[in-house]
C-alpha atoms as a PDB file:
ATOM      1  CA  MET A   1      -4.545  24.706   3.312  1.00  0.00           C
ATOM      2  CA  SER A   2      -3.544  27.955   4.736  1.00  0.00           C
ATOM      3  CA  HIS A   3      -7.177  28.566   5.911  1.00  0.00           C
ATOM      4  CA  LEU A   4      -7.346  25.199   7.491  1.00  0.00           C
ATOM      5  CA  THR A   5      -3.932  25.379   9.356  1.00  0.00           C
ATOM      6  CA  ALA A   6      -4.428  28.926  10.264  1.00  0.00           C
ATOM      7  CA  GLY A   7      -7.885  27.928  11.643  1.00  0.00           C
ATOM      8  CA  ASP A   8      -9.520  30.834  10.014  1.00  0.00           C
ATOM      9  CA  ALA A   9     -12.653  30.201   7.637  1.00  0.00           C
ATOM     10  CA  ALA A  10     -12.375  31.315   3.980  1.00  0.00           C
ATOM     11  CA  THR A  11     -14.980  33.373   2.433  1.00  0.00           C
ATOM     12  CA  ALA A  12     -18.076  32.073   0.611  1.00  0.00           C
ATOM     13  CA  GLU A  13     -16.655  33.974  -2.669  1.00  0.00           C
ATOM     14  CA  TRP A  14     -13.176  32.235  -2.298  1.00  0.00           C
ATOM     15  CA  ARG A  15     -14.921  28.867  -2.038  1.00  0.00           C
ATOM     16  CA  ASP A  16     -17.141  29.452  -4.905  1.00  0.00           C
ATOM     17  CA  ALA A  17     -14.047  30.574  -6.949  1.00  0.00           C
ATOM     18  CA  GLN A  18     -11.954  27.798  -5.640  1.00  0.00           C
ATOM     19  CA  LEU A  19     -14.798  25.215  -6.593  1.00  0.00           C
ATOM     20  CA  ALA A  20     -15.106  26.717 -10.185  1.00  0.00           C
ATOM     21  CA  LYS A  21     -11.614  26.077 -10.805  1.00  0.00           C
ATOM     22  CA  LEU A  22     -11.777  22.521  -9.599  1.00  0.00           C
ATOM     23  CA  ASP A  23     -14.810  22.126 -11.732  1.00  0.00           C
ATOM     24  CA  GLU A  24     -12.857  23.333 -14.711  1.00  0.00           C
ATOM     25  CA  ALA A  25      -9.882  21.183 -14.008  1.00  0.00           C
ATOM     26  CA  ALA A  26     -12.151  18.042 -13.676  1.00  0.00           C
ATOM     27  CA  LYS A  27     -13.387  18.340 -17.041  1.00  0.00           C
ATOM     28  CA  PRO A  28     -11.803  15.694 -19.261  1.00  0.00           C
ATOM     29  CA  LYS A  29      -9.011  16.516 -21.379  1.00  0.00           C
ATOM     30  CA  ALA A  30      -8.101  13.614 -23.634  1.00  0.00           C
ATOM     31  CA  ALA A  31      -7.127  10.634 -21.460  1.00  0.00           C
ATOM     32  CA  LEU A  32      -5.897  12.942 -18.612  1.00  0.00           C
ATOM     33  CA  GLU A  33      -8.012  12.685 -15.420  1.00  0.00           C
ATOM     34  CA  PHE A  34      -7.123  14.308 -12.110  1.00  0.00           C
ATOM     35  CA  VAL A  35      -7.915  11.774  -9.501  1.00  0.00           C
ATOM     36  CA  VAL A  36      -7.436  14.139  -6.555  1.00  0.00           C
ATOM     37  CA  ILE A  37     -10.181  16.697  -7.497  1.00  0.00           C
ATOM     38  CA  ALA A  38     -12.638  15.109  -5.063  1.00  0.00           C
ATOM     39  CA  SER A  39     -10.195  15.069  -2.351  1.00  0.00           C
ATOM     40  CA  VAL A  40      -9.220  18.983  -3.084  1.00  0.00           C
ATOM     41  CA  ARG A  41     -12.705  19.772  -3.278  1.00  0.00           C
ATOM     42  CA  GLU A  42     -13.440  18.565   0.401  1.00  0.00           C
ATOM     43  CA  LEU A  43     -10.532  20.421   1.636  1.00  0.00           C
ATOM     44  CA  VAL A  44     -11.875  23.756  -0.030  1.00  0.00           C
ATOM     45  CA  ILE A  45     -15.258  23.075   1.414  1.00  0.00           C
ATOM     46  CA  ALA A  46     -13.779  22.337   5.012  1.00  0.00           C
ATOM     47  CA  ALA A  47     -11.877  25.765   4.602  1.00  0.00           C
ATOM     48  CA  ALA A  48     -15.119  27.695   3.869  1.00  0.00           C
ATOM     49  CA  GLU A  49     -16.981  25.903   6.648  1.00  0.00           C
ATOM     50  CA  LEU A  50     -14.328  25.829   9.235  1.00  0.00           C
ATOM     51  CA  PRO A  51     -16.412  27.514  12.149  1.00  0.00           C
ATOM     52  CA  GLY A  52     -19.332  25.315  11.983  1.00  0.00           C
ATOM     53  CA  LEU A  53     -17.073  22.348  11.477  1.00  0.00           C
ATOM     54  CA  LYS A  54     -15.348  23.097  14.827  1.00  0.00           C
ATOM     55  CA  SER A  55     -18.533  22.280  16.794  1.00  0.00           C
ATOM     56  CA  SER A  56     -19.353  19.097  14.901  1.00  0.00           C
ATOM     57  CA  THR A  57     -18.286  15.705  15.404  1.00  0.00           C
ATOM     58  CA  PRO A  58     -16.503  13.881  12.473  1.00  0.00           C
ATOM     59  CA  ALA A  59     -19.452  11.986  11.254  1.00  0.00           C
ATOM     60  CA  GLU A  60     -21.420  15.346  10.975  1.00  0.00           C
ATOM     61  CA  CYS A  61     -18.760  16.974   9.284  1.00  0.00           C
ATOM     62  CA  LYS A  62     -18.288  14.329   6.655  1.00  0.00           C
ATOM     63  CA  SER A  63     -22.121  14.244   6.053  1.00  0.00           C
ATOM     64  CA  GLU A  64     -22.235  18.156   5.704  1.00  0.00           C
ATOM     65  CA  SER A  65     -19.225  18.214   3.361  1.00  0.00           C
ATOM     66  CA  ARG A  66     -20.879  15.590   1.152  1.00  0.00           C
ATOM     67  CA  LEU A  67     -23.937  17.951   0.513  1.00  0.00           C
ATOM     68  CA  TRP A  68     -21.382  20.410  -0.944  1.00  0.00           C
ATOM     69  CA  LEU A  69     -20.016  17.578  -3.249  1.00  0.00           C
ATOM     70  CA  GLN A  70     -23.248  16.849  -4.846  1.00  0.00           C
ATOM     71  CA  PRO A  71     -23.115  17.992  -8.420  1.00  0.00           C
ATOM     72  CA  ALA A  72     -24.863  21.217  -9.288  1.00  0.00           C
ATOM     73  CA  LYS A  73     -28.459  21.127 -10.292  1.00  0.00           C
ATOM     74  CA  LYS A  74     -29.302  22.445 -13.461  1.00  0.00           C
END
C-alpha cells in the first residue's frame, strides 16, 4: 500500500517477491483458505505497474492487471 499511496512504482524484483509470498500463502493448508489473496495480488501488481497505470483508463488498468493474474504456465 505504501507504493500506491506514495505514487512511486515498486521494482519488478519487489513485485516478484511479493507474488511468490502470495503464491505460498494461497496453497491449501487443511481447511484454511485466504479469500483476500486475489485482491492483495491485484494491489501488488498495481504497485509495480503504477507509472503505466497512471496514463491508462480504469478499464485498461483492469484488463492489464488481469494478464498478471493469470496462473503461471508450466
